[in-house]
Amino acid sequence: MVFLVTVVMSILVAALYILFSGNVKSFEYARDRTGARYTAESGARMAVHMLSTETWMPQGTEPFFMPEDSSGWILMEGIQGRALVVIDPRNNVSNPFAIRSVQIRSRGAFQSALTDIKTNYSPDAPSRYALLVDRAIPRGFFEDGRVVDGPVHCNGIIDFSSVSSDSSGDPYAREASTTSEGGFRFADVGFSSEPHPEGSSVWVQPYRRHLSGAPNWAPIASEIDFARIEQHFRDLETVANDMGTLVTGVKRVILDGNTLLMKAANQGPISSIGLGPERNLVVIMNGAMPVYIKSGQPTTIPLTIITTGNVNLSGSIRGGPAGGAGPLAIVSLGDIVIATDPSYTGETDWSPPWDIETEGNLSVQAYLAAPSGKLRNESLIHPGDLSYLTINGGLMQEQMGSMGTTMSGYRLEIEYDEGLNSVMPPFFPILENWVMTSWLEDPDYDGMSIEADQY
């Protein structure tokens, strides 16, 4: 009897031991797998943070590691795991100005477990927006008849209004985003996060699309840092100097095809700079004196022109489409001003073709940027009949400037260049906001190592 009891107890003890050991191993497996996954995710987030601190896309297409120790692994403080993180820029991008995505592959190690994640991210760029404003888009812009068929973002308040009883002709913005510090404000009901608040006469179009939410309609999007963008452009002086395209002492320029013609005085000599794929950035140091610019023949290369002070549009601008013969970008670190034609004021103008030609409608086939200023008309009463400034590209400005009255001056129209969705002007920055486009845990690398060029 004693022997039988002993045998039974031994069996029970063994069963309990096996059960306990199994539970411990199961717990350890789950713990280690979870720790490894968290470590891999933390490594990927560190990579995105590192990328977001730069205004440049990663150079080249070869994969590279995050800053590491000698073994290639990063110790993740707090989790006490280690991560091996590879950033792999997109291959097969023929256009050097393309907005290229990256693939981040992160391997997390915790105790006995290894877990990999693979995620793709794309950067945002200021030039991707048809209209990008820092302070506010006030009442009077997004009203009946206004169409901006591209992305619109404002860090401040965006005002909408309509006097029509139904949705016909109501303001249109293909994508509209603001921040928690700004907001969407409707003239008849106040602030709302909806594209058609109850009781409002405004139906922001395309209404059905906006009902799907972000990115089409985003009331609490991330803020865009305009100071960072401005500083990026200021830092390009050295680049232009190395190219031989740093310009001083000029008052009027004509962009004639792929040549920049320049003059310091009406009766002075003409100087010129030949432009091309290796000379696609011009910085004009004009300080407090405005520089006047217009086009002759259209440009056939992507090009960015930066002025350190105000730039005055003295005629139409003819750049090429993004992804083709363009884009052309004109960046002012002051204001962008539509110069008043001297025929209205009786003042003496320069001799043609250096004269100001702003008597009527103007066309700007370019991306205009004033990260610390605004686009404005020099005189709100000229032209005497309401004329149109049509931007075939996009516009970025710190604040909205005055263009005219209901009877005179200019009405701003933006016809978005779809190529700007995927292509930037030369030397334009990327934004701090990277967007995740895919996420995969425990990916199959098809026999390749994690650091191989897979993307």
Protein backbone atom coordinates (compact mmCIF):
# COMPACT_ATOMS: atom_id res chain seq x y z
CA MET A 1 0.00 0.00 0.00
CA VAL A 2 2.82 2.36 0.95
CA PHE A 3 4.57 1.47 -2.28
CA LEU A 4 1.44 2.23 -4.32
CA VAL A 5 0.96 5.60 -2.64
CA THR A 6 4.62 6.41 -3.27
CA VAL A 7 4.28 5.56 -6.95
CA VAL A 8 1.13 7.65 -7.32
CA MET A 9 2.73 10.62 -5.57
CA SER A 10 5.81 10.32 -7.77
CA ILE A 11 3.63 10.36 -10.87
CA LEU A 12 1.74 13.41 -9.61
CA VAL A 13 4.96 15.23 -8.77
CA ALA A 14 6.39 14.42 -12.19
CA ALA A 15 3.21 15.59 -13.89
CA LEU A 16 3.19 18.80 -11.91
CA TYR A 17 6.87 19.34 -12.73
CA ILE A 18 6.27 18.78 -16.42
CA LEU A 19 3.22 21.07 -16.35
CA PHE A 20 5.09 23.75 -14.41
CA SER A 21 8.14 23.49 -16.67
CA GLY A 22 5.91 23.75 -19.71
CA ASN A 23 4.19 26.82 -18.31
CA VAL A 24 7.54 28.42 -17.51
CA LYS A 25 8.87 27.70 -21.00
CA SER A 26 5.66 28.96 -22.55
CA PHE A 27 5.86 32.13 -20.47
CA GLU A 28 9.53 32.63 -21.33
CA TYR A 29 8.84 32.09 -25.03
CA ALA A 30 5.97 34.60 -25.02
CA ARG A 31 8.01 37.07 -22.96
CA ASP A 32 11.05 36.83 -25.21
CA ARG A 33 8.99 37.08 -28.41
CA THR A 34 7.17 40.13 -27.09
CA GLY A 35 10.42 41.74 -25.95
CA ALA A 36 12.06 41.06 -29.31
CA ARG A 37 9.09 42.55 -31.19
CA TYR A 38 9.08 45.69 -29.01
CA THR A 39 12.84 46.00 -29.52
CA ALA A 40 12.49 45.73 -33.30
CA GLU A 41 9.68 48.30 -33.31
CA SER A 42 11.75 50.67 -31.17
CA GLY A 43 14.66 50.31 -33.57
CA ALA A 44 12.42 51.20 -36.52
CA ARG A 45 11.04 54.23 -34.67
CA MET A 46 14.58 55.39 -33.90
CA ALA A 47 15.38 55.19 -37.61
CA VAL A 48 12.33 57.29 -38.53
CA HIS A 49 13.28 59.86 -35.88
CA MET A 50 16.81 60.07 -37.27
CA LEU A 51 15.46 60.59 -40.79
CA SER A 52 13.02 63.26 -39.59
CA THR A 53 15.86 65.42 -38.24
CA GLU A 54 17.31 65.83 -41.75
CA THR A 55 16.06 68.09 -44.53
CA TRP A 56 17.77 65.95 -47.18
CA MET A 57 16.79 62.58 -48.58
CA PRO A 58 19.34 59.81 -47.87
CA GLN A 59 21.96 59.97 -50.61
CA GLY A 60 22.41 56.99 -52.91
CA THR A 61 20.48 53.74 -52.94
CA GLU A 62 22.76 51.48 -50.88
CA PRO A 63 21.39 50.25 -47.53
CA PHE A 64 23.07 51.60 -44.41
CA PHE A 65 22.96 50.86 -40.69
CA MET A 66 21.82 53.10 -37.90
CA PRO A 67 24.73 54.39 -35.76
CA GLU A 68 25.90 51.27 -33.97
CA ASP A 69 28.50 49.63 -31.82
CA SER A 70 31.28 47.51 -33.33
CA SER A 71 29.00 44.49 -33.74
CA GLY A 72 26.32 46.43 -35.63
CA TRP A 73 23.75 46.17 -32.84
CA ILE A 74 22.21 48.98 -30.80
CA LEU A 75 21.41 48.48 -27.13
CA MET A 76 17.85 49.64 -26.50
CA GLU A 77 17.82 51.18 -23.04
CA GLY A 78 14.79 50.34 -20.92
CA ILE A 79 13.78 47.29 -22.91
CA GLN A 80 17.24 45.77 -22.44
CA GLY A 81 17.11 44.29 -25.90
CA ARG A 82 19.34 44.89 -28.91
CA ALA A 83 18.34 46.02 -32.39
CA LEU A 84 20.00 45.75 -35.79
CA VAL A 85 18.47 48.45 -38.01
CA VAL A 86 18.96 48.82 -41.76
CA ILE A 87 17.71 51.81 -43.81
CA ASP A 88 17.35 50.92 -47.49
CA PRO A 89 16.54 53.79 -49.91
CA ARG A 90 14.35 52.95 -52.88
CA ASN A 91 16.09 51.70 -56.04
CA ASN A 92 14.88 52.07 -59.63
CA VAL A 93 14.14 55.77 -59.33
CA SER A 94 15.39 57.36 -62.53
CA ASN A 95 14.56 60.97 -61.65
CA PRO A 96 17.15 62.38 -59.21
CA PHE A 97 14.52 64.79 -57.84
CA ALA A 98 11.96 62.10 -57.02
CA ILE A 99 10.52 61.92 -53.50
CA ARG A 100 12.00 58.51 -52.68
CA SER A 101 10.69 56.22 -49.98
CA VAL A 102 12.86 54.05 -47.75
CA GLN A 103 12.48 50.57 -46.32
CA ILE A 104 13.44 50.10 -42.69
CA ARG A 105 14.31 46.56 -41.61
CA SER A 106 14.78 46.11 -37.89
CA ARG A 107 15.80 42.94 -36.05
CA GLY A 108 15.08 42.82 -32.35
CA ALA A 109 16.91 40.47 -29.99
CA PHE A 110 15.65 39.84 -26.46
CA GLN A 111 16.87 36.94 -24.33
CA SER A 112 16.42 33.85 -26.54
CA ALA A 113 14.18 35.39 -29.23
CA LEU A 114 14.78 37.19 -32.53
CA THR A 115 12.03 39.07 -34.38
CA ASP A 116 12.22 41.06 -37.61
CA ILE A 117 9.92 43.78 -38.88
CA LYS A 118 9.94 45.42 -42.30
CA THR A 119 8.28 48.78 -42.84
CA ASN A 120 8.20 51.34 -45.66
CA TYR A 121 8.14 55.10 -45.08
CA SER A 122 7.82 58.06 -47.44
CA PRO A 123 8.80 61.65 -46.62
CA ASP A 124 6.61 64.65 -47.21
CA ALA A 125 7.88 67.73 -49.04
CA PRO A 126 6.69 71.36 -49.03
CA SER A 127 6.59 71.35 -52.82
CA ARG A 128 3.98 68.56 -52.73
CA TYR A 129 1.34 71.08 -51.65
CA ALA A 130 -0.71 73.16 -54.04
CA LEU A 131 -1.07 75.68 -51.19
CA LEU A 132 0.98 75.60 -48.00
CA VAL A 133 0.51 78.39 -45.43
CA ASP A 134 1.87 78.86 -41.93
CA ARG A 135 -0.35 81.45 -40.20
CA ALA A 136 -3.90 81.32 -41.61
CA ILE A 137 -6.00 81.16 -44.77
CA PRO A 138 -8.49 83.95 -44.01
CA ARG A 139 -12.06 84.40 -45.13
CA GLY A 140 -12.35 85.42 -48.75
CA PHE A 141 -10.09 82.78 -50.25
CA PHE A 142 -12.05 79.54 -49.85
CA GLU A 143 -15.40 80.89 -51.00
CA ASP A 144 -17.84 80.07 -53.81
CA GLY A 145 -16.03 79.29 -57.04
CA ARG A 146 -12.63 78.61 -55.47
CA VAL A 147 -10.99 75.41 -56.73
CA VAL A 148 -7.61 74.13 -55.54
CA ASP A 149 -7.28 70.69 -57.09
CA GLY A 150 -4.34 69.61 -54.96
CA PRO A 151 -3.20 69.25 -51.34
CA VAL A 152 -3.79 72.26 -49.04
CA HIS A 153 -2.28 72.61 -45.56
CA CYS A 154 -2.28 75.46 -43.06
CA ASN A 155 -0.77 75.42 -39.58
CA GLY A 156 -3.31 78.07 -38.62
CA ILE A 157 -7.03 78.52 -39.22
CA ILE A 158 -8.60 77.76 -42.60
CA ASP A 159 -11.78 79.77 -43.18
CA PHE A 160 -14.58 78.56 -45.46
CA SER A 161 -17.61 80.53 -46.65
CA SER A 162 -20.45 80.22 -49.16
CA VAL A 163 -23.51 82.27 -50.01
CA SER A 164 -25.17 79.60 -52.15
CA SER A 165 -28.13 77.73 -50.68
CA ASP A 166 -26.86 74.34 -51.88
CA SER A 167 -23.46 72.75 -52.48
CA SER A 168 -23.09 73.91 -56.08
CA GLY A 169 -20.01 76.06 -56.53
CA ASP A 170 -18.89 75.66 -52.93
CA PRO A 171 -15.12 75.88 -52.23
CA TYR A 172 -13.05 72.92 -53.41
CA ALA A 173 -9.77 71.60 -51.97
CA ARG A 174 -8.77 68.09 -53.01
CA GLU A 175 -6.99 67.58 -49.68
CA ALA A 176 -7.39 69.91 -46.71
CA SER A 177 -5.43 69.69 -43.47
CA THR A 178 -4.90 71.91 -40.46
CA THR A 179 -3.55 71.44 -36.94
CA SER A 180 -4.97 71.32 -33.44
CA GLU A 181 -3.67 74.89 -32.99
CA GLY A 182 -5.51 76.04 -36.14
CA GLY A 183 -8.76 74.43 -37.18
CA PHE A 184 -11.45 74.61 -39.85
CA ARG A 185 -13.71 77.63 -39.36
CA PHE A 186 -17.01 78.15 -41.16
CA ALA A 187 -18.36 81.67 -41.66
CA ASP A 188 -21.87 80.81 -40.47
CA VAL A 189 -21.33 78.28 -37.65
CA GLY A 190 -17.75 78.68 -36.42
CA PHE A 191 -15.22 75.91 -35.86
CA SER A 192 -15.96 72.35 -36.92
CA SER A 193 -14.05 69.19 -37.78
CA GLU A 194 -16.64 68.25 -40.43
CA PRO A 195 -16.59 69.29 -44.11
CA HIS A 196 -20.27 70.26 -43.74
CA PRO A 197 -21.22 71.21 -40.18
CA GLU A 198 -24.87 71.00 -39.20
CA GLY A 199 -26.62 74.26 -40.01
CA SER A 200 -23.89 75.53 -42.33
CA SER A 201 -24.37 76.56 -45.95
CA VAL A 202 -20.83 75.39 -46.75
CA TRP A 203 -20.14 71.96 -48.21
CA VAL A 204 -16.37 71.76 -48.72
CA GLN A 205 -15.83 69.84 -51.94
CA PRO A 206 -15.27 67.07 -52.85
CA TYR A 207 -17.60 66.40 -49.91
CA ARG A 208 -17.94 62.62 -50.24
CA ARG A 209 -14.19 62.21 -50.44
CA HIS A 210 -13.65 64.41 -47.39
CA LEU A 211 -16.04 62.23 -45.38
CA SER A 212 -13.42 59.45 -45.53
CA GLY A 213 -11.15 61.52 -43.28
CA ALA A 214 -7.35 61.84 -43.47
CA PRO A 215 -5.47 62.49 -45.63
CA ASN A 216 -8.33 63.99 -47.64
CA TRP A 217 -9.77 65.85 -44.64
CA ALA A 218 -7.44 66.16 -41.64
CA PRO A 219 -8.47 68.50 -38.78
CA ILE A 220 -5.49 67.57 -36.56
CA ALA A 221 -2.55 67.02 -38.89
CA SER A 222 1.06 67.53 -37.83
CA GLU A 223 2.43 71.06 -37.90
CA ILE A 224 4.95 71.94 -40.63
CA ASP A 225 8.04 73.79 -39.43
CA PHE A 226 8.46 76.85 -41.68
CA ALA A 227 11.56 78.08 -39.82
CA ARG A 228 13.31 74.83 -40.61
CA ILE A 229 12.41 75.21 -44.31
CA GLU A 230 13.70 78.79 -44.39
CA GLN A 231 16.98 77.80 -42.74
CA HIS A 232 17.44 75.00 -45.27
CA PHE A 233 17.25 77.52 -48.12
CA ARG A 234 19.59 79.96 -46.36
CA ASP A 235 22.18 77.21 -46.02
CA LEU A 236 22.35 76.72 -49.81
CA GLU A 237 24.55 79.78 -50.38
CA THR A 238 27.69 77.65 -50.17
CA VAL A 239 26.30 75.13 -52.65
CA ALA A 240 25.58 77.87 -55.19
CA ASN A 241 29.02 79.38 -54.63
CA ASP A 242 30.65 76.04 -55.42
CA MET A 243 28.55 75.80 -58.60
CA GLY A 244 29.53 79.28 -59.69
CA THR A 245 25.89 80.39 -59.53
CA LEU A 246 26.03 82.77 -56.55
CA VAL A 247 24.92 86.18 -57.86
CA THR A 248 25.37 89.67 -56.37
CA GLY A 249 24.84 93.24 -57.55
CA VAL A 250 22.01 92.68 -60.05
CA LYS A 251 18.60 94.38 -60.17
CA ARG A 252 16.80 92.66 -63.04
CA VAL A 253 17.05 89.15 -64.43
CA ILE A 254 15.46 87.33 -67.35
CA LEU A 255 15.27 83.56 -67.31
CA ASP A 256 15.71 82.91 -71.03
CA GLY A 257 15.59 79.18 -71.64
CA ASN A 258 18.49 77.67 -69.72
CA THR A 259 20.36 80.95 -69.45
CA LEU A 260 20.01 83.56 -66.73
CA LEU A 261 20.49 87.07 -68.14
CA MET A 262 21.28 89.82 -65.62
CA LYS A 263 21.62 93.59 -65.44
CA ALA A 264 22.54 96.01 -62.66
CA ALA A 265 21.35 99.15 -64.50
CA ASN A 266 19.20 100.03 -67.49
CA GLN A 267 22.17 101.17 -69.57
CA GLY A 268 24.59 98.70 -68.01
CA PRO A 269 26.13 95.57 -69.53
CA ILE A 270 24.38 92.21 -69.68
CA SER A 271 25.93 89.30 -67.80
CA SER A 272 24.77 85.71 -68.01
CA ILE A 273 24.98 82.30 -66.37
CA GLY A 274 24.55 79.10 -68.32
CA LEU A 275 22.38 76.57 -66.49
CA GLY A 276 22.17 72.79 -66.75
CA PRO A 277 21.95 69.52 -64.81
CA GLU A 278 25.09 70.39 -62.81
CA ARG A 279 24.12 74.06 -62.42
CA ASN A 280 20.51 73.86 -61.31
CA LEU A 281 20.62 76.18 -58.29
CA VAL A 282 20.96 79.98 -58.37
CA VAL A 283 21.21 82.12 -55.23
CA ILE A 284 20.83 85.88 -55.72
CA MET A 285 22.16 87.94 -52.81
CA ASN A 286 19.96 91.02 -53.02
CA GLY A 287 19.43 91.92 -49.35
CA ALA A 288 17.01 94.83 -48.90
CA MET A 289 16.84 95.66 -52.62
CA PRO A 290 14.26 93.75 -54.69
CA VAL A 291 15.34 91.83 -57.76
CA TYR A 292 12.94 91.78 -60.74
CA ILE A 293 12.45 88.54 -62.66
CA LYS A 294 10.52 87.36 -65.71
CA SER A 295 10.96 84.78 -68.45
CA GLY A 296 11.94 84.85 -72.08
CA GLN A 297 12.00 81.35 -73.55
CA PRO A 298 10.76 78.49 -71.30
CA THR A 299 13.29 76.57 -69.22
CA THR A 300 13.88 72.92 -70.10
CA ILE A 301 15.59 71.73 -66.89
CA PRO A 302 14.60 71.43 -63.24
CA LEU A 303 15.85 74.59 -61.55
CA THR A 304 15.62 76.45 -58.23
CA ILE A 305 16.26 80.20 -57.94
CA ILE A 306 16.58 81.70 -54.44
CA THR A 307 16.65 85.40 -53.57
CA THR A 308 17.73 86.52 -50.11
CA GLY A 309 15.35 89.52 -50.27
CA ASN A 310 12.12 90.36 -52.07
CA VAL A 311 11.65 89.06 -55.59
CA ASN A 312 9.41 91.14 -57.86
CA LEU A 313 7.61 89.40 -60.70
CA SER A 314 8.02 91.70 -63.71
CA GLY A 315 6.25 89.40 -66.16
CA SER A 316 5.17 85.83 -66.70
CA ILE A 317 7.37 82.89 -65.66
CA ARG A 318 7.75 79.88 -67.98
CA GLY A 319 9.04 76.72 -66.37
CA GLY A 320 8.49 73.11 -67.35
CA PRO A 321 6.20 70.50 -65.79
CA ALA A 322 7.47 68.52 -62.79
CA GLY A 323 8.96 65.24 -63.92
CA GLY A 324 9.56 66.57 -67.44
CA ALA A 325 11.31 69.84 -68.25
CA GLY A 326 10.76 71.00 -64.68
CA PRO A 327 9.94 71.83 -62.04
CA LEU A 328 11.11 75.40 -61.78
CA ALA A 329 10.99 76.95 -58.31
CA ILE A 330 11.39 80.58 -57.28
CA VAL A 331 12.12 80.98 -53.57
CA SER A 332 12.15 84.35 -51.81
CA LEU A 333 13.49 84.75 -48.30
CA GLY A 334 11.46 87.95 -48.24
CA ASP A 335 8.18 88.53 -50.11
CA ILE A 336 7.14 87.65 -53.65
CA VAL A 337 5.71 90.85 -55.14
CA ILE A 338 3.83 91.48 -58.37
CA ALA A 339 5.54 94.61 -59.63
CA THR A 340 3.34 97.51 -60.74
CA ASP A 341 3.64 98.29 -64.44
CA PRO A 342 5.03 101.86 -64.83
CA SER A 343 2.42 102.50 -67.53
CA TYR A 344 -0.05 102.90 -64.64
CA THR A 345 2.08 105.32 -62.64
CA GLY A 346 3.88 107.30 -65.34
CA GLU A 347 7.30 106.33 -64.01
CA THR A 348 10.20 105.66 -66.37
CA ASP A 349 10.80 102.00 -67.05
CA TRP A 350 13.84 100.12 -68.31
CA SER A 351 14.22 99.44 -72.01
CA PRO A 352 12.69 96.23 -73.42
CA PRO A 353 13.08 93.36 -72.82
CA TRP A 354 14.03 94.45 -69.29
CA ASP A 355 10.82 96.40 -68.75
CA ILE A 356 7.98 95.44 -66.39
CA GLU A 357 5.07 93.72 -68.14
CA THR A 358 2.24 93.39 -65.63
CA GLU A 359 -0.60 95.24 -67.36
CA GLY A 360 -2.97 92.26 -67.37
CA ASN A 361 -3.19 88.56 -66.63
CA LEU A 362 0.01 86.82 -65.51
CA SER A 363 0.97 83.16 -65.77
CA VAL A 364 3.57 81.58 -63.49
CA GLN A 365 4.56 78.06 -64.48
CA ALA A 366 6.61 77.37 -61.38
CA TYR A 367 6.50 76.62 -57.68
CA LEU A 368 6.59 79.85 -55.65
CA ALA A 369 7.89 79.77 -52.07
CA ALA A 370 8.16 82.52 -49.45
CA PRO A 371 8.69 80.59 -46.19
CA SER A 372 9.08 83.78 -44.14
CA GLY A 373 6.99 86.12 -46.27
CA LYS A 374 3.99 86.31 -48.58
CA LEU A 375 2.85 86.66 -52.16
CA ARG A 376 1.35 90.13 -52.61
CA ASN A 377 0.51 92.76 -55.20
CA GLU A 378 2.59 95.95 -55.06
CA SER A 379 -0.53 98.03 -55.78
CA LEU A 380 -4.05 96.89 -54.93
CA ILE A 381 -5.57 99.25 -57.51
CA HIS A 382 -3.49 98.05 -60.46
CA PRO A 383 -4.38 96.62 -62.89
CA GLY A 384 -7.52 98.76 -62.87
CA ASP A 385 -9.67 95.89 -64.12
CA LEU A 386 -9.52 92.67 -62.11
CA SER A 387 -6.86 90.42 -63.65
CA TYR A 388 -5.72 86.88 -62.89
CA LEU A 389 -2.44 85.55 -61.56
CA THR A 390 -2.46 81.86 -62.45
CA ILE A 391 0.16 79.66 -60.81
CA ASN A 392 0.68 76.40 -62.71
CA GLY A 393 2.49 74.60 -59.93
CA GLY A 394 2.06 75.45 -56.26
CA LEU A 395 2.52 78.11 -53.60
CA MET A 396 4.08 78.15 -50.13
CA GLN A 397 4.01 81.25 -47.94
CA GLU A 398 4.12 82.18 -44.28
CA GLN A 399 0.96 84.26 -44.60
CA MET A 400 -1.55 85.18 -47.27
CA GLY A 401 -0.80 88.54 -48.87
CA SER A 402 -3.17 91.13 -50.36
CA MET A 403 -3.68 90.75 -54.11
CA GLY A 404 -6.31 93.40 -54.87
CA THR A 405 -9.93 94.38 -54.41
CA THR A 406 -13.11 92.94 -55.88
CA MET A 407 -12.70 95.33 -58.82
CA SER A 408 -8.94 95.74 -59.29
CA GLY A 409 -5.61 94.06 -58.80
CA TYR A 410 -5.21 90.31 -59.14
CA ARG A 411 -7.22 87.23 -58.28
CA LEU A 412 -5.02 84.28 -57.39
CA GLU A 413 -5.69 80.99 -59.16
CA ILE A 414 -3.69 77.82 -58.47
CA GLU A 415 -3.61 75.07 -61.07
CA TYR A 416 -1.73 72.26 -59.37
CA ASP A 417 1.09 70.48 -61.21
CA GLU A 418 0.38 66.79 -60.54
CA GLY A 419 4.05 65.94 -61.02
CA LEU A 420 4.80 67.66 -57.71
CA ASN A 421 3.20 64.70 -55.95
CA SER A 422 6.34 62.70 -56.66
CA VAL A 423 9.07 65.14 -57.77
CA MET A 424 10.74 68.05 -55.93
CA PRO A 425 12.53 71.08 -57.37
CA PRO A 426 16.32 70.80 -57.03
CA PHE A 427 17.67 71.27 -53.51
CA PHE A 428 14.22 71.49 -51.94
CA PRO A 429 13.97 70.09 -48.42
CA ILE A 430 11.94 67.19 -47.16
CA LEU A 431 9.70 67.77 -44.16
CA GLU A 432 9.99 66.26 -40.71
CA ASN A 433 6.79 64.28 -41.26
CA TRP A 434 7.41 60.76 -42.61
CA VAL A 435 4.39 58.60 -43.47
CA MET A 436 4.32 54.83 -42.98
CA THR A 437 2.97 53.04 -46.06
CA SER A 438 3.41 49.38 -45.04
CA TRP A 439 4.30 47.20 -42.03
CA LEU A 440 5.18 43.49 -41.93
CA GLU A 441 6.28 41.31 -39.00
CA ASP A 442 8.59 38.32 -39.55
CA PRO A 443 9.10 39.04 -43.28
CA ASP A 444 10.52 36.56 -45.76
CA TYR A 445 13.78 37.92 -47.18
CA ASP A 446 13.94 35.22 -49.89
CA GLY A 447 17.25 33.97 -48.61
CA MET A 448 18.91 37.39 -48.49
CA SER A 449 20.51 38.90 -45.41
CA ILE A 450 18.85 41.77 -43.60
CA GLU A 451 21.53 44.21 -44.80
CA ALA A 452 21.22 43.24 -48.49
CA ASP A 453 19.90 45.76 -51.03
CA GLN A 454 16.30 44.51 -51.22
CA TYR A 455 14.23 47.62 -51.98
